Amino acid sequence: MGSFLLLFFIGLLGVLSYSSNLIKLLMCFELLNLALCLIFLILDLYLCTVFGHVVSLLIILITAVETVILLGAAVIYYNKTLNLNLHQLMRLHG
């Protein structure tokens, strides 16, 4: 029952503490989304509906697309600058 809370707080702590490393930040966002899926699935067990399964699949789909786009952008940026420092990435314009 408390596993989704543990995953959520680990992900939240990671997002707040790893603000300069792109890969760790993406992994922490994945943990937050996984915790959200678990919340909907547990809620679905109590309500006996299909709503939680559908929402969980949509969250997983959106998370996968987001990760592919961000990792693709990170690979392109790394090939040009040879680092993934988010502080330098935030200074980009255009």
PDB file of N, CA and C in Angstrom:
ATOM      1  N   MET A   1       0.826  -1.190   0.000  1.00  0.00           N
ATOM      2  CA  MET A   1       0.000   0.000   0.000  1.00  0.00           C
ATOM      3  C   MET A   1       0.872   1.257   0.000  1.00  0.00           C
ATOM      4  N   GLY A   2       1.942   1.250   0.741  1.00  0.00           N
ATOM      5  CA  GLY A   2       2.776   2.434   0.834  1.00  0.00           C
ATOM      6  C   GLY A   2       3.881   2.485  -0.214  1.00  0.00           C
ATOM      7  N   SER A   3       3.916   1.506  -1.125  1.00  0.00           N
ATOM      8  CA  SER A   3       4.996   1.482  -2.122  1.00  0.00           C
ATOM      9  C   SER A   3       4.887   2.655  -3.084  1.00  0.00           C
ATOM     10  N   PHE A   4       3.672   3.058  -3.429  1.00  0.00           N
ATOM     11  CA  PHE A   4       3.545   4.190  -4.337  1.00  0.00           C
ATOM     12  C   PHE A   4       3.962   5.488  -3.650  1.00  0.00           C
ATOM     13  N   LEU A   5       3.728   5.587  -2.344  1.00  0.00           N
ATOM     14  CA  LEU A   5       4.189   6.777  -1.623  1.00  0.00           C
ATOM     15  C   LEU A   5       5.713   6.830  -1.565  1.00  0.00           C
ATOM     16  N   LEU A   6       6.333   5.673  -1.352  1.00  0.00           N
ATOM     17  CA  LEU A   6       7.787   5.609  -1.328  1.00  0.00           C
ATOM     18  C   LEU A   6       8.369   5.999  -2.684  1.00  0.00           C
ATOM     19  N   LEU A   7       7.797   5.450  -3.764  1.00  0.00           N
ATOM     20  CA  LEU A   7       8.264   5.802  -5.104  1.00  0.00           C
ATOM     21  C   LEU A   7       8.053   7.280  -5.398  1.00  0.00           C
ATOM     22  N   PHE A   8       6.918   7.808  -4.985  1.00  0.00           N
ATOM     23  CA  PHE A   8       6.620   9.214  -5.238  1.00  0.00           C
ATOM     24  C   PHE A   8       7.609  10.128  -4.521  1.00  0.00           C
ATOM     25  N   PHE A   9       7.880   9.844  -3.243  1.00  0.00           N
ATOM     26  CA  PHE A   9       8.783  10.712  -2.500  1.00  0.00           C
ATOM     27  C   PHE A   9      10.239  10.558  -2.929  1.00  0.00           C
ATOM     28  N   ILE A  10      10.642   9.362  -3.358  1.00  0.00           N
ATOM     29  CA  ILE A  10      11.993   9.199  -3.900  1.00  0.00           C
ATOM     30  C   ILE A  10      12.127   9.985  -5.198  1.00  0.00           C
ATOM     31  N   GLY A  11      11.110   9.905  -6.047  1.00  0.00           N
ATOM     32  CA  GLY A  11      11.137  10.672  -7.292  1.00  0.00           C
ATOM     33  C   GLY A  11      11.120  12.167  -7.048  1.00  0.00           C
ATOM     34  N   LEU A  12      10.307  12.616  -6.100  1.00  0.00           N
ATOM     35  CA  LEU A  12      10.233  14.034  -5.790  1.00  0.00           C
ATOM     36  C   LEU A  12      11.544  14.544  -5.198  1.00  0.00           C
ATOM     37  N   LEU A  13      12.136  13.749  -4.310  1.00  0.00           N
ATOM     38  CA  LEU A  13      13.428  14.116  -3.736  1.00  0.00           C
ATOM     39  C   LEU A  13      14.507  14.174  -4.817  1.00  0.00           C
ATOM     40  N   GLY A  14      14.453  13.243  -5.753  1.00  0.00           N
ATOM     41  CA  GLY A  14      15.418  13.242  -6.844  1.00  0.00           C
ATOM     42  C   GLY A  14      15.262  14.433  -7.766  1.00  0.00           C
ATOM     43  N   VAL A  15      14.023  14.819  -8.060  1.00  0.00           N
ATOM     44  CA  VAL A  15      13.789  15.989  -8.915  1.00  0.00           C
ATOM     45  C   VAL A  15      14.310  17.243  -8.233  1.00  0.00           C
ATOM     46  N   LEU A  16      14.126  17.336  -6.933  1.00  0.00           N
ATOM     47  CA  LEU A  16      14.579  18.525  -6.219  1.00  0.00           C
ATOM     48  C   LEU A  16      16.093  18.552  -6.017  1.00  0.00           C
ATOM     49  N   SER A  17      16.733  17.381  -5.909  1.00  0.00           N
ATOM     50  CA  SER A  17      18.165  17.366  -5.612  1.00  0.00           C
ATOM     51  C   SER A  17      19.049  17.232  -6.850  1.00  0.00           C
ATOM     52  N   TYR A  18      18.586  16.564  -7.910  1.00  0.00           N
ATOM     53  CA  TYR A  18      19.396  16.367  -9.116  1.00  0.00           C
ATOM     54  C   TYR A  18      18.969  17.336 -10.211  1.00  0.00           C
ATOM     55  N   SER A  19      18.983  18.607  -9.912  1.00  0.00           N
ATOM     56  CA  SER A  19      18.503  19.570 -10.903  1.00  0.00           C
ATOM     57  C   SER A  19      19.540  19.899 -11.965  1.00  0.00           C
ATOM     58  N   SER A  20      20.764  19.395 -11.849  1.00  0.00           N
ATOM     59  CA  SER A  20      21.785  19.716 -12.848  1.00  0.00           C
ATOM     60  C   SER A  20      22.147  18.528 -13.738  1.00  0.00           C
ATOM     61  N   ASN A  21      21.662  17.335 -13.440  1.00  0.00           N
ATOM     62  CA  ASN A  21      21.983  16.157 -14.239  1.00  0.00           C
ATOM     63  C   ASN A  21      20.726  15.704 -14.983  1.00  0.00           C
ATOM     64  N   LEU A  22      20.773  15.745 -16.306  1.00  0.00           N
ATOM     65  CA  LEU A  22      19.602  15.477 -17.128  1.00  0.00           C
ATOM     66  C   LEU A  22      19.134  14.026 -17.019  1.00  0.00           C
ATOM     67  N   ILE A  23      20.035  13.084 -17.031  1.00  0.00           N
ATOM     68  CA  ILE A  23      19.659  11.674 -17.004  1.00  0.00           C
ATOM     69  C   ILE A  23      19.017  11.311 -15.663  1.00  0.00           C
ATOM     70  N   LYS A  24      19.596  11.768 -14.567  1.00  0.00           N
ATOM     71  CA  LYS A  24      19.009  11.495 -13.252  1.00  0.00           C
ATOM     72  C   LYS A  24      17.658  12.180 -13.091  1.00  0.00           C
ATOM     73  N   LEU A  25      17.519  13.355 -13.673  1.00  0.00           N
ATOM     74  CA  LEU A  25      16.252  14.067 -13.621  1.00  0.00           C
ATOM     75  C   LEU A  25      15.174  13.312 -14.381  1.00  0.00           C
ATOM     76  N   LEU A  26      15.512  12.767 -15.541  1.00  0.00           N
ATOM     77  CA  LEU A  26      14.552  11.969 -16.305  1.00  0.00           C
ATOM     78  C   LEU A  26      14.158  10.698 -15.555  1.00  0.00           C
ATOM     79  N   MET A  27      15.125  10.060 -14.895  1.00  0.00           N
ATOM     80  CA  MET A  27      14.817   8.854 -14.131  1.00  0.00           C
ATOM     81  C   MET A  27      13.876   9.159 -12.967  1.00  0.00           C
ATOM     82  N   CYS A  28      14.066  10.309 -12.335  1.00  0.00           N
ATOM     83  CA  CYS A  28      13.188  10.682 -11.223  1.00  0.00           C
ATOM     84  C   CYS A  28      11.784  11.014 -11.712  1.00  0.00           C
ATOM     85  N   PHE A  29      11.679  11.628 -12.900  1.00  0.00           N
ATOM     86  CA  PHE A  29      10.357  11.843 -13.471  1.00  0.00           C
ATOM     87  C   PHE A  29       9.671  10.523 -13.795  1.00  0.00           C
ATOM     88  N   GLU A  30      10.449   9.542 -14.228  1.00  0.00           N
ATOM     89  CA  GLU A  30       9.890   8.208 -14.475  1.00  0.00           C
ATOM     90  C   GLU A  30       9.338   7.591 -13.187  1.00  0.00           C
ATOM     91  N   LEU A  31      10.063   7.765 -12.088  1.00  0.00           N
ATOM     92  CA  LEU A  31       9.572   7.253 -10.800  1.00  0.00           C
ATOM     93  C   LEU A  31       8.278   7.940 -10.383  1.00  0.00           C
ATOM     94  N   LEU A  32       8.197   9.259 -10.607  1.00  0.00           N
ATOM     95  CA  LEU A  32       6.959   9.976 -10.284  1.00  0.00           C
ATOM     96  C   LEU A  32       5.788   9.457 -11.112  1.00  0.00           C
ATOM     97  N   ASN A  33       6.020   9.222 -12.390  1.00  0.00           N
ATOM     98  CA  ASN A  33       4.948   8.711 -13.242  1.00  0.00           C
ATOM     99  C   ASN A  33       4.563   7.279 -12.881  1.00  0.00           C
ATOM    100  N   LEU A  34       5.535   6.474 -12.487  1.00  0.00           N
ATOM    101  CA  LEU A  34       5.238   5.108 -12.047  1.00  0.00           C
ATOM    102  C   LEU A  34       4.394   5.122 -10.776  1.00  0.00           C
ATOM    103  N   ALA A  35       4.714   6.006  -9.857  1.00  0.00           N
ATOM    104  CA  ALA A  35       3.914   6.126  -8.634  1.00  0.00           C
ATOM    105  C   ALA A  35       2.491   6.564  -8.962  1.00  0.00           C
ATOM    106  N   LEU A  36       2.359   7.475  -9.921  1.00  0.00           N
ATOM    107  CA  LEU A  36       1.032   7.915 -10.325  1.00  0.00           C
ATOM    108  C   LEU A  36       0.231   6.770 -10.938  1.00  0.00           C
ATOM    109  N   CYS A  37       0.883   5.932 -11.735  1.00  0.00           N
ATOM    110  CA  CYS A  37       0.206   4.754 -12.308  1.00  0.00           C
ATOM    111  C   CYS A  37      -0.247   3.798 -11.212  1.00  0.00           C
ATOM    112  N   LEU A  38       0.604   3.576 -10.227  1.00  0.00           N
ATOM    113  CA  LEU A  38       0.231   2.687  -9.123  1.00  0.00           C
ATOM    114  C   LEU A  38      -0.953   3.238  -8.332  1.00  0.00           C
ATOM    115  N   ILE A  39      -0.998   4.557  -8.158  1.00  0.00           N
ATOM    116  CA  ILE A  39      -2.130   5.162  -7.452  1.00  0.00           C
ATOM    117  C   ILE A  39      -3.424   4.895  -8.212  1.00  0.00           C
ATOM    118  N   PHE A  40      -3.398   5.079  -9.534  1.00  0.00           N
ATOM    119  CA  PHE A  40      -4.606   4.827 -10.321  1.00  0.00           C
ATOM    120  C   PHE A  40      -4.992   3.353 -10.320  1.00  0.00           C
ATOM    121  N   LEU A  41      -4.017   2.448 -10.339  1.00  0.00           N
ATOM    122  CA  LEU A  41      -4.342   1.016 -10.316  1.00  0.00           C
ATOM    123  C   LEU A  41      -4.908   0.579  -8.971  1.00  0.00           C
ATOM    124  N   ILE A  42      -4.374   1.114  -7.891  1.00  0.00           N
ATOM    125  CA  ILE A  42      -4.917   0.787  -6.564  1.00  0.00           C
ATOM    126  C   ILE A  42      -6.314   1.362  -6.407  1.00  0.00           C
ATOM    127  N   LEU A  43      -6.512   2.568  -6.909  1.00  0.00           N
ATOM    128  CA  LEU A  43      -7.845   3.163  -6.886  1.00  0.00           C
ATOM    129  C   LEU A  43      -8.822   2.338  -7.714  1.00  0.00           C
ATOM    130  N   ASP A  44      -8.331   1.784  -8.814  1.00  0.00           N
ATOM    131  CA  ASP A  44      -9.165   0.943  -9.664  1.00  0.00           C
ATOM    132  C   ASP A  44      -9.580  -0.343  -8.951  1.00  0.00           C
ATOM    133  N   LEU A  45      -8.714  -0.881  -8.098  1.00  0.00           N
ATOM    134  CA  LEU A  45      -9.084  -2.082  -7.336  1.00  0.00           C
ATOM    135  C   LEU A  45     -10.231  -1.817  -6.380  1.00  0.00           C
ATOM    136  N   TYR A  46     -10.229  -0.648  -5.762  1.00  0.00           N
ATOM    137  CA  TYR A  46     -11.279  -0.305  -4.808  1.00  0.00           C
ATOM    138  C   TYR A  46     -12.593   0.050  -5.488  1.00  0.00           C
ATOM    139  N   LEU A  47     -12.526   0.674  -6.664  1.00  0.00           N
ATOM    140  CA  LEU A  47     -13.746   1.116  -7.344  1.00  0.00           C
ATOM    141  C   LEU A  47     -14.309   0.072  -8.305  1.00  0.00           C
ATOM    142  N   CYS A  48     -13.530  -0.957  -8.627  1.00  0.00           N
ATOM    143  CA  CYS A  48     -13.946  -2.029  -9.547  1.00  0.00           C
ATOM    144  C   CYS A  48     -14.376  -1.469 -10.902  1.00  0.00           C
ATOM    145  N   THR A  49     -13.545  -0.621 -11.476  1.00  0.00           N
ATOM    146  CA  THR A  49     -13.794  -0.080 -12.806  1.00  0.00           C
ATOM    147  C   THR A  49     -12.582  -0.322 -13.688  1.00  0.00           C
ATOM    148  N   VAL A  50     -12.688   0.112 -14.932  1.00  0.00           N
ATOM    149  CA  VAL A  50     -11.585  -0.019 -15.877  1.00  0.00           C
ATOM    150  C   VAL A  50     -10.855   1.316 -16.027  1.00  0.00           C
ATOM    151  N   PHE A  51     -11.332   2.344 -15.383  1.00  0.00           N
ATOM    152  CA  PHE A  51     -10.788   3.684 -15.517  1.00  0.00           C
ATOM    153  C   PHE A  51      -9.309   3.742 -15.144  1.00  0.00           C
ATOM    154  N   GLY A  52      -8.917   3.095 -14.072  1.00  0.00           N
ATOM    155  CA  GLY A  52      -7.527   3.125 -13.617  1.00  0.00           C
ATOM    156  C   GLY A  52      -6.580   2.478 -14.600  1.00  0.00           C
ATOM    157  N   HIS A  53      -7.011   1.380 -15.226  1.00  0.00           N
ATOM    158  CA  HIS A  53      -6.168   0.714 -16.218  1.00  0.00           C
ATOM    159  C   HIS A  53      -5.961   1.601 -17.441  1.00  0.00           C
ATOM    160  N   VAL A  54      -7.025   2.230 -17.899  1.00  0.00           N
ATOM    161  CA  VAL A  54      -6.930   3.086 -19.079  1.00  0.00           C
ATOM    162  C   VAL A  54      -6.032   4.294 -18.801  1.00  0.00           C
ATOM    163  N   VAL A  55      -6.222   4.925 -17.663  1.00  0.00           N
ATOM    164  CA  VAL A  55      -5.408   6.095 -17.319  1.00  0.00           C
ATOM    165  C   VAL A  55      -3.950   5.690 -17.127  1.00  0.00           C
ATOM    166  N   SER A  56      -3.700   4.540 -16.518  1.00  0.00           N
ATOM    167  CA  SER A  56      -2.322   4.074 -16.334  1.00  0.00           C
ATOM    168  C   SER A  56      -1.636   3.806 -17.663  1.00  0.00           C
ATOM    169  N   LEU A  57      -2.347   3.196 -18.595  1.00  0.00           N
ATOM    170  CA  LEU A  57      -1.765   2.978 -19.915  1.00  0.00           C
ATOM    171  C   LEU A  57      -1.480   4.290 -20.630  1.00  0.00           C
ATOM    172  N   LEU A  58      -2.373   5.264 -20.493  1.00  0.00           N
ATOM    173  CA  LEU A  58      -2.129   6.570 -21.108  1.00  0.00           C
ATOM    174  C   LEU A  58      -0.932   7.268 -20.474  1.00  0.00           C
ATOM    175  N   ILE A  59      -0.784   7.159 -19.161  1.00  0.00           N
ATOM    176  CA  ILE A  59       0.367   7.772 -18.484  1.00  0.00           C
ATOM    177  C   ILE A  59       1.659   7.114 -18.943  1.00  0.00           C
ATOM    178  N   ILE A  60       1.666   5.795 -19.054  1.00  0.00           N
ATOM    179  CA  ILE A  60       2.860   5.086 -19.519  1.00  0.00           C
ATOM    180  C   ILE A  60       3.188   5.465 -20.957  1.00  0.00           C
ATOM    181  N   LEU A  61       2.168   5.601 -21.803  1.00  0.00           N
ATOM    182  CA  LEU A  61       2.386   5.987 -23.191  1.00  0.00           C
ATOM    183  C   LEU A  61       2.962   7.395 -23.293  1.00  0.00           C
ATOM    184  N   ILE A  62       2.391   8.327 -22.575  1.00  0.00           N
ATOM    185  CA  ILE A  62       2.869   9.707 -22.604  1.00  0.00           C
ATOM    186  C   ILE A  62       4.281   9.801 -22.036  1.00  0.00           C
ATOM    187  N   THR A  63       4.562   9.043 -20.988  1.00  0.00           N
ATOM    188  CA  THR A  63       5.898   9.043 -20.402  1.00  0.00           C
ATOM    189  C   THR A  63       6.931   8.475 -21.371  1.00  0.00           C
ATOM    190  N   ALA A  64       6.573   7.424 -22.091  1.00  0.00           N
ATOM    191  CA  ALA A  64       7.505   6.835 -23.057  1.00  0.00           C
ATOM    192  C   ALA A  64       7.809   7.816 -24.186  1.00  0.00           C
ATOM    193  N   VAL A  65       6.787   8.494 -24.687  1.00  0.00           N
ATOM    194  CA  VAL A  65       7.003   9.467 -25.761  1.00  0.00           C
ATOM    195  C   VAL A  65       7.855  10.636 -25.261  1.00  0.00           C
ATOM    196  N   GLU A  66       7.567  11.111 -24.058  1.00  0.00           N
ATOM    197  CA  GLU A  66       8.342  12.214 -23.477  1.00  0.00           C
ATOM    198  C   GLU A  66       9.810  11.826 -23.312  1.00  0.00           C
ATOM    199  N   THR A  67      10.056  10.621 -22.850  1.00  0.00           N
ATOM    200  CA  THR A  67      11.424  10.160 -22.635  1.00  0.00           C
ATOM    201  C   THR A  67      12.178  10.028 -23.950  1.00  0.00           C
ATOM    202  N   VAL A  68      11.524   9.510 -24.971  1.00  0.00           N
ATOM    203  CA  VAL A  68      12.184   9.368 -26.272  1.00  0.00           C
ATOM    204  C   VAL A  68      12.551  10.730 -26.846  1.00  0.00           C
ATOM    205  N   ILE A  69      11.647  11.691 -26.748  1.00  0.00           N
ATOM    206  CA  ILE A  69      11.928  13.027 -27.282  1.00  0.00           C
ATOM    207  C   ILE A  69      13.057  13.701 -26.503  1.00  0.00           C
ATOM    208  N   LEU A  70      13.008  13.640 -25.182  1.00  0.00           N
ATOM    209  CA  LEU A  70      14.042  14.295 -24.376  1.00  0.00           C
ATOM    210  C   LEU A  70      15.402  13.619 -24.521  1.00  0.00           C
ATOM    211  N   LEU A  71      15.427  12.301 -24.599  1.00  0.00           N
ATOM    212  CA  LEU A  71      16.709  11.620 -24.786  1.00  0.00           C
ATOM    213  C   LEU A  71      17.282  11.888 -26.173  1.00  0.00           C
ATOM    214  N   GLY A  72      16.422  11.993 -27.178  1.00  0.00           N
ATOM    215  CA  GLY A  72      16.890  12.348 -28.518  1.00  0.00           C
ATOM    216  C   GLY A  72      17.498  13.735 -28.535  1.00  0.00           C
ATOM    217  N   ALA A  73      16.838  14.683 -27.877  1.00  0.00           N
ATOM    218  CA  ALA A  73      17.378  16.041 -27.792  1.00  0.00           C
ATOM    219  C   ALA A  73      18.679  16.057 -26.999  1.00  0.00           C
ATOM    220  N   ALA A  74      18.768  15.238 -25.954  1.00  0.00           N
ATOM    221  CA  ALA A  74      19.988  15.179 -25.150  1.00  0.00           C
ATOM    222  C   ALA A  74      21.151  14.613 -25.959  1.00  0.00           C
ATOM    223  N   VAL A  75      20.900  13.614 -26.793  1.00  0.00           N
ATOM    224  CA  VAL A  75      21.966  13.035 -27.624  1.00  0.00           C
ATOM    225  C   VAL A  75      22.455  14.063 -28.635  1.00  0.00           C
ATOM    226  N   ILE A  76      21.539  14.797 -29.258  1.00  0.00           N
ATOM    227  CA  ILE A  76      21.941  15.832 -30.212  1.00  0.00           C
ATOM    228  C   ILE A  76      22.753  16.913 -29.517  1.00  0.00           C
ATOM    229  N   TYR A  77      22.304  17.351 -28.341  1.00  0.00           N
ATOM    230  CA  TYR A  77      23.032  18.387 -27.600  1.00  0.00           C
ATOM    231  C   TYR A  77      24.411  17.887 -27.155  1.00  0.00           C
ATOM    232  N   TYR A  78      24.485  16.624 -26.722  1.00  0.00           N
ATOM    233  CA  TYR A  78      25.768  16.070 -26.285  1.00  0.00           C
ATOM    234  C   TYR A  78      26.747  15.962 -27.448  1.00  0.00           C
ATOM    235  N   ASN A  79      26.256  15.586 -28.620  1.00  0.00           N
ATOM    236  CA  ASN A  79      27.142  15.479 -29.778  1.00  0.00           C
ATOM    237  C   ASN A  79      27.724  16.832 -30.175  1.00  0.00           C
ATOM    238  N   LYS A  80      26.992  17.912 -29.918  1.00  0.00           N
ATOM    239  CA  LYS A  80      27.497  19.242 -30.274  1.00  0.00           C
ATOM    240  C   LYS A  80      28.407  19.831 -29.207  1.00  0.00           C
ATOM    241  N   THR A  81      28.119  19.595 -27.914  1.00  0.00           N
ATOM    242  CA  THR A  81      28.868  20.272 -26.852  1.00  0.00           C
ATOM    243  C   THR A  81      29.715  19.348 -25.990  1.00  0.00           C
ATOM    244  N   LEU A  82      29.514  18.054 -26.049  1.00  0.00           N
ATOM    245  CA  LEU A  82      30.227  17.045 -25.264  1.00  0.00           C
ATOM    246  C   LEU A  82      30.015  17.167 -23.756  1.00  0.00           C
ATOM    247  N   ASN A  83      28.881  17.727 -23.337  1.00  0.00           N
ATOM    248  CA  ASN A  83      28.476  17.669 -21.925  1.00  0.00           C
ATOM    249  C   ASN A  83      26.964  17.801 -21.844  1.00  0.00           C
ATOM    250  N   LEU A  84      26.403  17.422 -20.697  1.00  0.00           N
ATOM    251  CA  LEU A  84      24.961  17.483 -20.483  1.00  0.00           C
ATOM    252  C   LEU A  84      24.629  18.317 -19.249  1.00  0.00           C
ATOM    253  N   ASN A  85      25.367  19.365 -19.005  1.00  0.00           N
ATOM    254  CA  ASN A  85      25.129  20.215 -17.859  1.00  0.00           C
ATOM    255  C   ASN A  85      23.870  21.053 -18.095  1.00  0.00           C
ATOM    256  N   LEU A  86      22.890  20.930 -17.215  1.00  0.00           N
ATOM    257  CA  LEU A  86      21.630  21.638 -17.407  1.00  0.00           C
ATOM    258  C   LEU A  86      21.757  23.131 -17.189  1.00  0.00           C
ATOM    259  N   HIS A  87      22.739  23.562 -16.404  1.00  0.00           N
ATOM    260  CA  HIS A  87      22.916  24.994 -16.191  1.00  0.00           C
ATOM    261  C   HIS A  87      23.350  25.677 -17.492  1.00  0.00           C
ATOM    262  N   GLN A  88      24.174  25.014 -18.295  1.00  0.00           N
ATOM    263  CA  GLN A  88      24.547  25.559 -19.590  1.00  0.00           C
ATOM    264  C   GLN A  88      23.402  25.412 -20.585  1.00  0.00           C
ATOM    265  N   LEU A  89      22.627  24.376 -20.443  1.00  0.00           N
ATOM    266  CA  LEU A  89      21.504  24.139 -21.342  1.00  0.00           C
ATOM    267  C   LEU A  89      20.417  25.191 -21.171  1.00  0.00           C
ATOM    268  N   MET A  90      20.253  25.706 -19.964  1.00  0.00           N
ATOM    269  CA  MET A  90      19.226  26.715 -19.705  1.00  0.00           C
ATOM    270  C   MET A  90      19.587  28.066 -20.306  1.00  0.00           C
ATOM    271  N   ARG A  91      20.862  28.277 -20.605  1.00  0.00           N
ATOM    272  CA  ARG A  91      21.288  29.560 -21.171  1.00  0.00           C
ATOM    273  C   ARG A  91      21.106  29.625 -22.681  1.00  0.00           C
ATOM    274  N   LEU A  92      20.663  28.535 -23.316  1.00  0.00           N
ATOM    275  CA  LEU A  92      20.477  28.533 -24.771  1.00  0.00           C
ATOM    276  C   LEU A  92      19.278  29.412 -25.143  1.00  0.00           C
ATOM    277  N   HIS A  93      19.390  30.064 -26.250  1.00  0.00           N
ATOM    278  CA  HIS A  93      18.306  30.889 -26.773  1.00  0.00           C
ATOM    279  C   HIS A  93      18.016  30.464 -28.204  1.00  0.00           C
ATOM    280  N   GLY A  94      16.744  30.593 -28.595  1.00  0.00           N
ATOM    281  CA  GLY A  94      16.398  30.345 -29.989  1.00  0.00           C
ATOM    282  C   GLY A  94      15.743  29.086 -30.253  1.00  0.00           C
TER     283      GLY A  94
END
